[in-house]
All heavy atoms as atom14 arrays in JSON, in Angstrom:
{
  "sequence": "AAAEAARLAAEHQRKIKDLFVATGVEFDIEGRVALEYNFEGGEQSIA",
  "atom14_mask": [
    [1, 1, 1, 1, 1, 0, 0, 0, 0, 0, 0, 0, 0, 0],
    [1, 1, 1, 1, 1, 0, 0, 0, 0, 0, 0, 0, 0, 0],
    [1, 1, 1, 1, 1, 0, 0, 0, 0, 0, 0, 0, 0, 0],
    [1, 1, 1, 1, 1, 1, 1, 1, 1, 0, 0, 0, 0, 0],
    [1, 1, 1, 1, 1, 0, 0, 0, 0, 0, 0, 0, 0, 0],
    [1, 1, 1, 1, 1, 0, 0, 0, 0, 0, 0, 0, 0, 0],
    [1, 1, 1, 1, 1, 1, 1, 1, 1, 1, 1, 0, 0, 0],
    [1, 1, 1, 1, 1, 1, 1, 1, 0, 0, 0, 0, 0, 0],
    [1, 1, 1, 1, 1, 0, 0, 0, 0, 0, 0, 0, 0, 0],
    [1, 1, 1, 1, 1, 0, 0, 0, 0, 0, 0, 0, 0, 0],
    [1, 1, 1, 1, 1, 1, 1, 1, 1, 0, 0, 0, 0, 0],
    [1, 1, 1, 1, 1, 1, 1, 1, 1, 1, 0, 0, 0, 0],
    [1, 1, 1, 1, 1, 1, 1, 1, 1, 0, 0, 0, 0, 0],
    [1, 1, 1, 1, 1, 1, 1, 1, 1, 1, 1, 0, 0, 0],
    [1, 1, 1, 1, 1, 1, 1, 1, 1, 0, 0, 0, 0, 0],
    [1, 1, 1, 1, 1, 1, 1, 1, 0, 0, 0, 0, 0, 0],
    [1, 1, 1, 1, 1, 1, 1, 1, 1, 0, 0, 0, 0, 0],
    [1, 1, 1, 1, 1, 1, 1, 1, 0, 0, 0, 0, 0, 0],
    [1, 1, 1, 1, 1, 1, 1, 1, 0, 0, 0, 0, 0, 0],
    [1, 1, 1, 1, 1, 1, 1, 1, 1, 1, 1, 0, 0, 0],
    [1, 1, 1, 1, 1, 1, 1, 0, 0, 0, 0, 0, 0, 0],
    [1, 1, 1, 1, 1, 0, 0, 0, 0, 0, 0, 0, 0, 0],
    [1, 1, 1, 1, 1, 1, 1, 0, 0, 0, 0, 0, 0, 0],
    [1, 1, 1, 1, 0, 0, 0, 0, 0, 0, 0, 0, 0, 0],
    [1, 1, 1, 1, 1, 1, 1, 0, 0, 0, 0, 0, 0, 0],
    [1, 1, 1, 1, 1, 1, 1, 1, 1, 0, 0, 0, 0, 0],
    [1, 1, 1, 1, 1, 1, 1, 1, 1, 1, 1, 0, 0, 0],
    [1, 1, 1, 1, 1, 1, 1, 1, 0, 0, 0, 0, 0, 0],
    [1, 1, 1, 1, 1, 1, 1, 1, 0, 0, 0, 0, 0, 0],
    [1, 1, 1, 1, 1, 1, 1, 1, 1, 0, 0, 0, 0, 0],
    [1, 1, 1, 1, 0, 0, 0, 0, 0, 0, 0, 0, 0, 0],
    [1, 1, 1, 1, 1, 1, 1, 1, 1, 1, 1, 0, 0, 0],
    [1, 1, 1, 1, 1, 1, 1, 0, 0, 0, 0, 0, 0, 0],
    [1, 1, 1, 1, 1, 0, 0, 0, 0, 0, 0, 0, 0, 0],
    [1, 1, 1, 1, 1, 1, 1, 1, 0, 0, 0, 0, 0, 0],
    [1, 1, 1, 1, 1, 1, 1, 1, 1, 0, 0, 0, 0, 0],
    [1, 1, 1, 1, 1, 1, 1, 1, 1, 1, 1, 1, 0, 0],
    [1, 1, 1, 1, 1, 1, 1, 1, 0, 0, 0, 0, 0, 0],
    [1, 1, 1, 1, 1, 1, 1, 1, 1, 1, 1, 0, 0, 0],
    [1, 1, 1, 1, 1, 1, 1, 1, 1, 0, 0, 0, 0, 0],
    [1, 1, 1, 1, 0, 0, 0, 0, 0, 0, 0, 0, 0, 0],
    [1, 1, 1, 1, 0, 0, 0, 0, 0, 0, 0, 0, 0, 0],
    [1, 1, 1, 1, 1, 1, 1, 1, 1, 0, 0, 0, 0, 0],
    [1, 1, 1, 1, 1, 1, 1, 1, 1, 0, 0, 0, 0, 0],
    [1, 1, 1, 1, 1, 1, 0, 0, 0, 0, 0, 0, 0, 0],
    [1, 1, 1, 1, 1, 1, 1, 1, 0, 0, 0, 0, 0, 0],
    [1, 1, 1, 1, 1, 0, 0, 0, 0, 0, 0, 0, 0, 0]
  ],
  "atom14_positions": [
    [[16.64, -6.48, 7.59], [15.96, -5.46, 8.37], [15.17, -4.47, 7.51], [14.09, -4.06, 7.83], [17.03, -4.69, 9.24], [0.0, 0.0, 0.0], [0.0, 0.0, 0.0], [0.0, 0.0, 0.0], [0.0, 0.0, 0.0], [0.0, 0.0, 0.0], [0.0, 0.0, 0.0], [0.0, 0.0, 0.0], [0.0, 0.0, 0.0], [0.0, 0.0, 0.0]],
    [[15.78, -4.12, 6.36], [15.11, -3.24, 5.45], [13.84, -3.89, 4.87], [12.8, -3.24, 4.72], [16.04, -2.86, 4.28], [0.0, 0.0, 0.0], [0.0, 0.0, 0.0], [0.0, 0.0, 0.0], [0.0, 0.0, 0.0], [0.0, 0.0, 0.0], [0.0, 0.0, 0.0], [0.0, 0.0, 0.0], [0.0, 0.0, 0.0], [0.0, 0.0, 0.0]],
    [[13.86, -5.14, 4.58], [12.71, -5.9, 4.06], [11.61, -5.93, 5.1], [10.47, -5.74, 4.79], [13.11, -7.28, 3.61], [0.0, 0.0, 0.0], [0.0, 0.0, 0.0], [0.0, 0.0, 0.0], [0.0, 0.0, 0.0], [0.0, 0.0, 0.0], [0.0, 0.0, 0.0], [0.0, 0.0, 0.0], [0.0, 0.0, 0.0], [0.0, 0.0, 0.0]],
    [[11.99, -6.13, 6.36], [11.03, -6.18, 7.4], [10.4, -4.79, 7.66], [9.19, -4.67, 7.86], [11.69, -6.62, 8.74], [10.74, -6.67, 9.95], [9.63, -7.68, 9.77], [9.63, -8.45, 8.84], [8.69, -7.65, 10.66], [0.0, 0.0, 0.0], [0.0, 0.0, 0.0], [0.0, 0.0, 0.0], [0.0, 0.0, 0.0], [0.0, 0.0, 0.0]],
    [[11.21, -3.76, 7.55], [10.67, -2.38, 7.7], [9.72, -2.04, 6.57], [8.71, -1.45, 6.78], [11.84, -1.4, 7.7], [0.0, 0.0, 0.0], [0.0, 0.0, 0.0], [0.0, 0.0, 0.0], [0.0, 0.0, 0.0], [0.0, 0.0, 0.0], [0.0, 0.0, 0.0], [0.0, 0.0, 0.0], [0.0, 0.0, 0.0], [0.0, 0.0, 0.0]],
    [[10.04, -2.49, 5.36], [9.21, -2.25, 4.18], [7.83, -2.99, 4.37], [6.82, -2.49, 4.02], [9.9, -2.62, 2.89], [0.0, 0.0, 0.0], [0.0, 0.0, 0.0], [0.0, 0.0, 0.0], [0.0, 0.0, 0.0], [0.0, 0.0, 0.0], [0.0, 0.0, 0.0], [0.0, 0.0, 0.0], [0.0, 0.0, 0.0], [0.0, 0.0, 0.0]],
    [[7.95, -4.22, 4.85], [6.75, -5.0, 5.11], [5.87, -4.34, 6.13], [4.64, -4.25, 5.92], [7.13, -6.41, 5.56], [5.93, -7.39, 5.7], [6.32, -8.68, 6.39], [6.61, -8.45, 7.82], [5.67, -8.22, 8.79], [4.39, -8.3, 8.43], [5.99, -8.03, 10.02], [0.0, 0.0, 0.0], [0.0, 0.0, 0.0], [0.0, 0.0, 0.0]],
    [[6.44, -3.86, 7.23], [5.66, -3.21, 8.26], [5.04, -1.92, 7.78], [3.86, -1.54, 8.08], [6.52, -2.91, 9.47], [7.03, -4.15, 10.26], [8.0, -3.7, 11.36], [5.84, -4.89, 10.87], [0.0, 0.0, 0.0], [0.0, 0.0, 0.0], [0.0, 0.0, 0.0], [0.0, 0.0, 0.0], [0.0, 0.0, 0.0], [0.0, 0.0, 0.0]],
    [[5.81, -1.17, 6.92], [5.26, 0.11, 6.35], [4.11, -0.18, 5.44], [3.09, 0.53, 5.46], [6.37, 0.83, 5.58], [0.0, 0.0, 0.0], [0.0, 0.0, 0.0], [0.0, 0.0, 0.0], [0.0, 0.0, 0.0], [0.0, 0.0, 0.0], [0.0, 0.0, 0.0], [0.0, 0.0, 0.0], [0.0, 0.0, 0.0], [0.0, 0.0, 0.0]],
    [[4.26, -1.24, 4.59], [3.17, -1.64, 3.67], [1.94, -2.07, 4.45], [0.79, -1.72, 4.04], [3.63, -2.75, 2.74], [0.0, 0.0, 0.0], [0.0, 0.0, 0.0], [0.0, 0.0, 0.0], [0.0, 0.0, 0.0], [0.0, 0.0, 0.0], [0.0, 0.0, 0.0], [0.0, 0.0, 0.0], [0.0, 0.0, 0.0], [0.0, 0.0, 0.0]],
    [[2.14, -2.79, 5.52], [1.03, -3.22, 6.32], [0.31, -2.01, 7.02], [-0.9, -1.97, 7.07], [1.51, -4.19, 7.39], [0.48, -4.73, 8.37], [-0.61, -5.58, 7.7], [-0.33, -6.02, 6.55], [-1.62, -5.86, 8.34], [0.0, 0.0, 0.0], [0.0, 0.0, 0.0], [0.0, 0.0, 0.0], [0.0, 0.0, 0.0], [0.0, 0.0, 0.0]],
    [[1.14, -1.07, 7.48], [0.55, 0.13, 8.1], [-0.25, 0.9, 7.04], [-1.39, 1.36, 7.37], [1.71, 0.97, 8.64], [1.26, 2.2, 9.39], [0.53, 2.16, 10.55], [1.41, 3.52, 9.05], [0.31, 3.41, 10.97], [0.81, 4.24, 10.09], [0.0, 0.0, 0.0], [0.0, 0.0, 0.0], [0.0, 0.0, 0.0], [0.0, 0.0, 0.0]],
    [[0.29, 1.07, 5.86], [-0.43, 1.81, 4.83], [-1.74, 1.05, 4.43], [-2.76, 1.68, 4.15], [0.47, 2.01, 3.61], [1.59, 2.96, 3.84], [2.43, 3.2, 2.62], [2.25, 2.55, 1.61], [3.39, 4.12, 2.72], [0.0, 0.0, 0.0], [0.0, 0.0, 0.0], [0.0, 0.0, 0.0], [0.0, 0.0, 0.0], [0.0, 0.0, 0.0]],
    [[-1.67, -0.26, 4.39], [-2.87, -1.03, 4.08], [-3.98, -0.78, 5.1], [-5.14, -0.62, 4.77], [-2.56, -2.55, 4.02], [-3.77, -3.41, 3.59], [-3.55, -4.86, 3.85], [-3.36, -5.15, 5.29], [-4.39, -5.22, 6.11], [-5.6, -4.99, 5.73], [-4.15, -5.48, 7.38], [0.0, 0.0, 0.0], [0.0, 0.0, 0.0], [0.0, 0.0, 0.0]],
    [[-3.59, -0.72, 6.41], [-4.58, -0.46, 7.45], [-5.17, 0.95, 7.29], [-6.37, 1.16, 7.56], [-3.93, -0.62, 8.81], [-3.57, -2.1, 9.14], [-2.91, -2.2, 10.54], [-2.55, -3.63, 10.85], [-1.87, -3.69, 12.2], [0.0, 0.0, 0.0], [0.0, 0.0, 0.0], [0.0, 0.0, 0.0], [0.0, 0.0, 0.0], [0.0, 0.0, 0.0]],
    [[-4.33, 1.94, 6.93], [-4.81, 3.29, 6.72], [-5.82, 3.3, 5.54], [-6.89, 3.92, 5.61], [-3.69, 4.25, 6.48], [-2.83, 4.38, 7.73], [-4.21, 5.62, 6.02], [-1.62, 5.26, 7.58], [0.0, 0.0, 0.0], [0.0, 0.0, 0.0], [0.0, 0.0, 0.0], [0.0, 0.0, 0.0], [0.0, 0.0, 0.0], [0.0, 0.0, 0.0]],
    [[-5.47, 2.63, 4.46], [-6.42, 2.52, 3.32], [-7.76, 2.01, 3.73], [-8.83, 2.44, 3.22], [-5.81, 1.67, 2.2], [-4.69, 2.35, 1.44], [-4.19, 1.41, 0.3], [-3.08, 2.07, -0.47], [-2.62, 1.23, -1.61], [0.0, 0.0, 0.0], [0.0, 0.0, 0.0], [0.0, 0.0, 0.0], [0.0, 0.0, 0.0], [0.0, 0.0, 0.0]],
    [[-7.77, 1.02, 4.59], [-9.0, 0.37, 5.03], [-9.91, 1.3, 5.8], [-11.08, 1.03, 6.05], [-8.69, -0.89, 5.87], [-8.12, -1.99, 5.03], [-8.22, -1.94, 3.78], [-7.53, -2.94, 5.6], [0.0, 0.0, 0.0], [0.0, 0.0, 0.0], [0.0, 0.0, 0.0], [0.0, 0.0, 0.0], [0.0, 0.0, 0.0], [0.0, 0.0, 0.0]],
    [[-9.35, 2.45, 6.27], [-10.19, 3.42, 7.04], [-11.09, 4.24, 6.16], [-12.05, 4.85, 6.64], [-9.27, 4.34, 7.82], [-8.36, 3.74, 8.9], [-7.5, 4.82, 9.54], [-9.2, 3.03, 9.99], [0.0, 0.0, 0.0], [0.0, 0.0, 0.0], [0.0, 0.0, 0.0], [0.0, 0.0, 0.0], [0.0, 0.0, 0.0], [0.0, 0.0, 0.0]],
    [[-10.79, 4.28, 4.82], [-11.51, 5.18, 3.94], [-12.2, 4.37, 2.82], [-11.75, 3.3, 2.44], [-10.59, 6.2, 3.34], [-9.85, 6.98, 4.45], [-8.51, 6.73, 4.67], [-10.51, 7.95, 5.15], [-7.81, 7.41, 5.63], [-9.83, 8.64, 6.16], [-8.51, 8.39, 6.42], [0.0, 0.0, 0.0], [0.0, 0.0, 0.0], [0.0, 0.0, 0.0]],
    [[-13.24, 5.0, 2.25], [-13.9, 4.38, 1.1], [-13.77, 5.36, -0.1], [-14.68, 5.49, -0.89], [-15.39, 4.1, 1.37], [-15.5, 2.91, 2.32], [-16.14, 5.28, 1.94], [0.0, 0.0, 0.0], [0.0, 0.0, 0.0], [0.0, 0.0, 0.0], [0.0, 0.0, 0.0], [0.0, 0.0, 0.0], [0.0, 0.0, 0.0], [0.0, 0.0, 0.0]],
    [[-12.68, 6.0, -0.2], [-12.38, 6.95, -1.25], [-12.27, 6.24, -2.62], [-12.06, 5.06, -2.71], [-11.11, 7.71, -0.95], [0.0, 0.0, 0.0], [0.0, 0.0, 0.0], [0.0, 0.0, 0.0], [0.0, 0.0, 0.0], [0.0, 0.0, 0.0], [0.0, 0.0, 0.0], [0.0, 0.0, 0.0], [0.0, 0.0, 0.0], [0.0, 0.0, 0.0]],
    [[-12.39, 7.08, -3.68], [-12.17, 6.55, -5.03], [-10.74, 6.03, -5.14], [-10.47, 5.06, -5.83], [-12.41, 7.7, -6.07], [-13.71, 8.25, -5.82], [-12.41, 7.07, -7.48], [0.0, 0.0, 0.0], [0.0, 0.0, 0.0], [0.0, 0.0, 0.0], [0.0, 0.0, 0.0], [0.0, 0.0, 0.0], [0.0, 0.0, 0.0], [0.0, 0.0, 0.0]],
    [[-9.79, 6.78, -4.58], [-8.37, 6.36, -4.61], [-7.66, 6.76, -3.36], [-7.92, 7.8, -2.78], [0.0, 0.0, 0.0], [0.0, 0.0, 0.0], [0.0, 0.0, 0.0], [0.0, 0.0, 0.0], [0.0, 0.0, 0.0], [0.0, 0.0, 0.0], [0.0, 0.0, 0.0], [0.0, 0.0, 0.0], [0.0, 0.0, 0.0], [0.0, 0.0, 0.0]],
    [[-6.69, 5.92, -2.9], [-5.91, 6.22, -1.75], [-4.46, 5.92, -2.11], [-4.1, 4.8, -2.52], [-6.27, 5.38, -0.5], [-5.47, 5.76, 0.69], [-7.78, 5.47, -0.24], [0.0, 0.0, 0.0], [0.0, 0.0, 0.0], [0.0, 0.0, 0.0], [0.0, 0.0, 0.0], [0.0, 0.0, 0.0], [0.0, 0.0, 0.0], [0.0, 0.0, 0.0]],
    [[-3.55, 6.91, -2.01], [-2.18, 6.71, -2.32], [-1.27, 7.34, -1.23], [-1.79, 8.12, -0.39], [-1.79, 7.38, -3.66], [-2.54, 6.73, -4.85], [-2.23, 7.36, -6.19], [-1.47, 8.41, -6.14], [-2.61, 6.85, -7.21], [0.0, 0.0, 0.0], [0.0, 0.0, 0.0], [0.0, 0.0, 0.0], [0.0, 0.0, 0.0], [0.0, 0.0, 0.0]],
    [[0.02, 6.97, -1.27], [1.01, 7.52, -0.33], [2.17, 8.03, -1.14], [2.65, 7.34, -2.05], [1.45, 6.49, 0.68], [0.37, 5.97, 1.58], [-0.46, 4.94, 1.19], [0.16, 6.56, 2.85], [-1.49, 4.49, 2.0], [-0.84, 6.12, 3.65], [-1.66, 5.08, 3.26], [0.0, 0.0, 0.0], [0.0, 0.0, 0.0], [0.0, 0.0, 0.0]],
    [[2.67, 9.25, -0.81], [3.86, 9.71, -1.5], [5.12, 9.28, -0.78], [5.03, 8.52, 0.25], [3.83, 11.23, -1.63], [3.86, 12.0, -0.3], [4.28, 11.38, 0.74], [3.59, 13.17, -0.26], [0.0, 0.0, 0.0], [0.0, 0.0, 0.0], [0.0, 0.0, 0.0], [0.0, 0.0, 0.0], [0.0, 0.0, 0.0], [0.0, 0.0, 0.0]],
    [[6.27, 9.68, -1.31], [7.55, 9.16, -0.77], [7.78, 9.6, 0.65], [8.54, 9.02, 1.4], [8.7, 9.58, -1.7], [10.0, 8.85, -1.36], [8.96, 11.13, -1.59], [11.11, 9.04, -2.36], [0.0, 0.0, 0.0], [0.0, 0.0, 0.0], [0.0, 0.0, 0.0], [0.0, 0.0, 0.0], [0.0, 0.0, 0.0], [0.0, 0.0, 0.0]],
    [[7.14, 10.72, 1.05], [7.28, 11.25, 2.4], [6.26, 10.64, 3.39], [6.24, 10.96, 4.59], [7.1, 12.75, 2.39], [8.19, 13.49, 1.58], [7.95, 14.98, 1.52], [6.86, 15.43, 1.97], [8.84, 15.66, 1.0], [0.0, 0.0, 0.0], [0.0, 0.0, 0.0], [0.0, 0.0, 0.0], [0.0, 0.0, 0.0], [0.0, 0.0, 0.0]],
    [[5.43, 9.72, 2.89], [4.43, 9.06, 3.73], [3.14, 9.81, 3.87], [2.24, 9.33, 4.6], [0.0, 0.0, 0.0], [0.0, 0.0, 0.0], [0.0, 0.0, 0.0], [0.0, 0.0, 0.0], [0.0, 0.0, 0.0], [0.0, 0.0, 0.0], [0.0, 0.0, 0.0], [0.0, 0.0, 0.0], [0.0, 0.0, 0.0], [0.0, 0.0, 0.0]],
    [[2.98, 10.93, 3.15], [1.7, 11.64, 3.21], [0.65, 10.83, 2.5], [0.93, 10.2, 1.44], [1.8, 13.0, 2.61], [2.84, 13.94, 3.27], [2.68, 15.38, 2.77], [2.62, 15.42, 1.33], [2.29, 16.5, 0.64], [1.9, 17.59, 1.27], [2.29, 16.49, -0.68], [0.0, 0.0, 0.0], [0.0, 0.0, 0.0], [0.0, 0.0, 0.0]],
    [[-0.6, 10.88, 2.97], [-1.71, 10.16, 2.34], [-2.43, 11.12, 1.4], [-2.59, 12.29, 1.71], [-2.65, 9.55, 3.41], [-3.27, 10.65, 4.25], [-3.68, 8.7, 2.7], [0.0, 0.0, 0.0], [0.0, 0.0, 0.0], [0.0, 0.0, 0.0], [0.0, 0.0, 0.0], [0.0, 0.0, 0.0], [0.0, 0.0, 0.0], [0.0, 0.0, 0.0]],
    [[-2.88, 10.61, 0.27], [-3.68, 11.36, -0.66], [-4.98, 10.62, -0.89], [-4.97, 9.44, -1.26], [-2.95, 11.6, -1.99], [0.0, 0.0, 0.0], [0.0, 0.0, 0.0], [0.0, 0.0, 0.0], [0.0, 0.0, 0.0], [0.0, 0.0, 0.0], [0.0, 0.0, 0.0], [0.0, 0.0, 0.0], [0.0, 0.0, 0.0], [0.0, 0.0, 0.0]],
    [[-6.11, 11.31, -0.68], [-7.44, 10.73, -0.84], [-8.17, 11.45, -1.97], [-8.19, 12.7, -2.0], [-8.25, 10.84, 0.42], [-7.65, 10.28, 1.7], [-8.57, 10.59, 2.89], [-7.38, 8.79, 1.63], [0.0, 0.0, 0.0], [0.0, 0.0, 0.0], [0.0, 0.0, 0.0], [0.0, 0.0, 0.0], [0.0, 0.0, 0.0], [0.0, 0.0, 0.0]],
    [[-8.72, 10.67, -2.89], [-9.51, 11.27, -3.98], [-10.95, 10.81, -3.91], [-11.17, 9.6, -3.79], [-8.91, 10.96, -5.35], [-9.65, 11.52, -6.5], [-9.07, 11.18, -7.86], [-8.04, 11.71, -8.2], [-9.67, 10.29, -8.53], [0.0, 0.0, 0.0], [0.0, 0.0, 0.0], [0.0, 0.0, 0.0], [0.0, 0.0, 0.0], [0.0, 0.0, 0.0]],
    [[-11.87, 11.77, -3.98], [-13.3, 11.45, -4.04], [-13.88, 11.98, -5.33], [-14.05, 13.21, -5.46], [-14.0, 12.07, -2.83], [-13.56, 11.46, -1.51], [-12.41, 11.95, -0.89], [-14.25, 10.41, -0.95], [-12.0, 11.39, 0.32], [-13.81, 9.79, 0.26], [-12.69, 10.33, 0.87], [-12.25, 9.75, 2.06], [0.0, 0.0, 0.0], [0.0, 0.0, 0.0]],
    [[-14.1, 11.1, -6.29], [-14.71, 11.51, -7.57], [-16.16, 11.18, -7.5], [-16.57, 10.04, -7.67], [-13.98, 10.77, -8.69], [-14.44, 11.25, -10.08], [-15.38, 12.06, -10.17], [-13.77, 10.81, -11.1], [0.0, 0.0, 0.0], [0.0, 0.0, 0.0], [0.0, 0.0, 0.0], [0.0, 0.0, 0.0], [0.0, 0.0, 0.0], [0.0, 0.0, 0.0]],
    [[-16.95, 12.22, -7.23], [-18.41, 11.99, -7.03], [-19.16, 11.8, -8.36], [-20.25, 11.29, -8.36], [-19.02, 13.18, -6.25], [-18.48, 13.27, -4.87], [-17.66, 14.32, -4.53], [-18.76, 12.33, -3.89], [-17.18, 14.47, -3.25], [-18.27, 12.44, -2.6], [-17.46, 13.53, -2.29], [0.0, 0.0, 0.0], [0.0, 0.0, 0.0], [0.0, 0.0, 0.0]],
    [[-18.49, 12.29, -9.44], [-19.21, 12.14, -10.72], [-19.2, 10.63, -11.14], [-18.19, 9.96, -11.17], [-18.48, 12.92, -11.79], [-19.29, 13.04, -13.09], [-18.69, 14.08, -14.02], [-17.46, 14.33, -13.98], [-19.46, 14.74, -14.78], [0.0, 0.0, 0.0], [0.0, 0.0, 0.0], [0.0, 0.0, 0.0], [0.0, 0.0, 0.0], [0.0, 0.0, 0.0]],
    [[-20.37, 10.13, -11.4], [-20.56, 8.72, -11.74], [-21.47, 8.07, -10.78], [-21.97, 6.95, -10.99], [0.0, 0.0, 0.0], [0.0, 0.0, 0.0], [0.0, 0.0, 0.0], [0.0, 0.0, 0.0], [0.0, 0.0, 0.0], [0.0, 0.0, 0.0], [0.0, 0.0, 0.0], [0.0, 0.0, 0.0], [0.0, 0.0, 0.0], [0.0, 0.0, 0.0]],
    [[-21.76, 8.72, -9.64], [-22.8, 8.23, -8.75], [-22.44, 7.09, -7.86], [-23.35, 6.4, -7.33], [0.0, 0.0, 0.0], [0.0, 0.0, 0.0], [0.0, 0.0, 0.0], [0.0, 0.0, 0.0], [0.0, 0.0, 0.0], [0.0, 0.0, 0.0], [0.0, 0.0, 0.0], [0.0, 0.0, 0.0], [0.0, 0.0, 0.0], [0.0, 0.0, 0.0]],
    [[-21.13, 6.87, -7.58], [-20.74, 5.84, -6.65], [-21.04, 6.32, -5.25], [-20.21, 6.98, -4.61], [-19.28, 5.49, -6.79], [-18.77, 4.38, -5.84], [-19.64, 3.12, -5.87], [-19.82, 2.54, -6.96], [-20.14, 2.84, -4.82], [0.0, 0.0, 0.0], [0.0, 0.0, 0.0], [0.0, 0.0, 0.0], [0.0, 0.0, 0.0], [0.0, 0.0, 0.0]],
    [[-22.21, 6.02, -4.75], [-22.71, 6.67, -3.54], [-22.0, 6.18, -2.27], [-22.03, 6.93, -1.23], [-24.2, 6.45, -3.36], [-24.99, 7.07, -4.53], [-26.54, 7.07, -4.26], [-26.97, 6.79, -3.2], [-27.26, 7.34, -5.33], [0.0, 0.0, 0.0], [0.0, 0.0, 0.0], [0.0, 0.0, 0.0], [0.0, 0.0, 0.0], [0.0, 0.0, 0.0]],
    [[-21.31, 5.09, -2.29], [-20.59, 4.61, -1.11], [-19.48, 5.54, -0.66], [-19.19, 5.63, 0.53], [-20.01, 3.2, -1.36], [-19.02, 3.22, -2.34], [0.0, 0.0, 0.0], [0.0, 0.0, 0.0], [0.0, 0.0, 0.0], [0.0, 0.0, 0.0], [0.0, 0.0, 0.0], [0.0, 0.0, 0.0], [0.0, 0.0, 0.0], [0.0, 0.0, 0.0]],
    [[-18.88, 6.3, -1.58], [-17.74, 7.14, -1.22], [-18.19, 8.36, -0.41], [-17.38, 9.05, 0.15], [-16.95, 7.59, -2.45], [-17.74, 8.47, -3.37], [-16.4, 6.38, -3.22], [-16.93, 9.09, -4.53], [0.0, 0.0, 0.0], [0.0, 0.0, 0.0], [0.0, 0.0, 0.0], [0.0, 0.0, 0.0], [0.0, 0.0, 0.0], [0.0, 0.0, 0.0]],
    [[-19.48, 8.6, -0.35], [-19.97, 9.72, 0.49], [-19.96, 9.37, 2.0], [-20.13, 10.21, 2.81], [-21.42, 10.11, 0.12], [0.0, 0.0, 0.0], [0.0, 0.0, 0.0], [0.0, 0.0, 0.0], [0.0, 0.0, 0.0], [0.0, 0.0, 0.0], [0.0, 0.0, 0.0], [0.0, 0.0, 0.0], [0.0, 0.0, 0.0], [0.0, 0.0, 0.0]]
  ]
}
């Protein structure tokens, strides 16, 4: 059951990541999402 819950959580987080084009997308232990946009370098897609 724990393995299945972890699989579902990972799948849910993957779907959330796919919503953004940020430089980085991470999740903390509480499930909060962190998005980083590093504009320096000219990667225009992240805008």
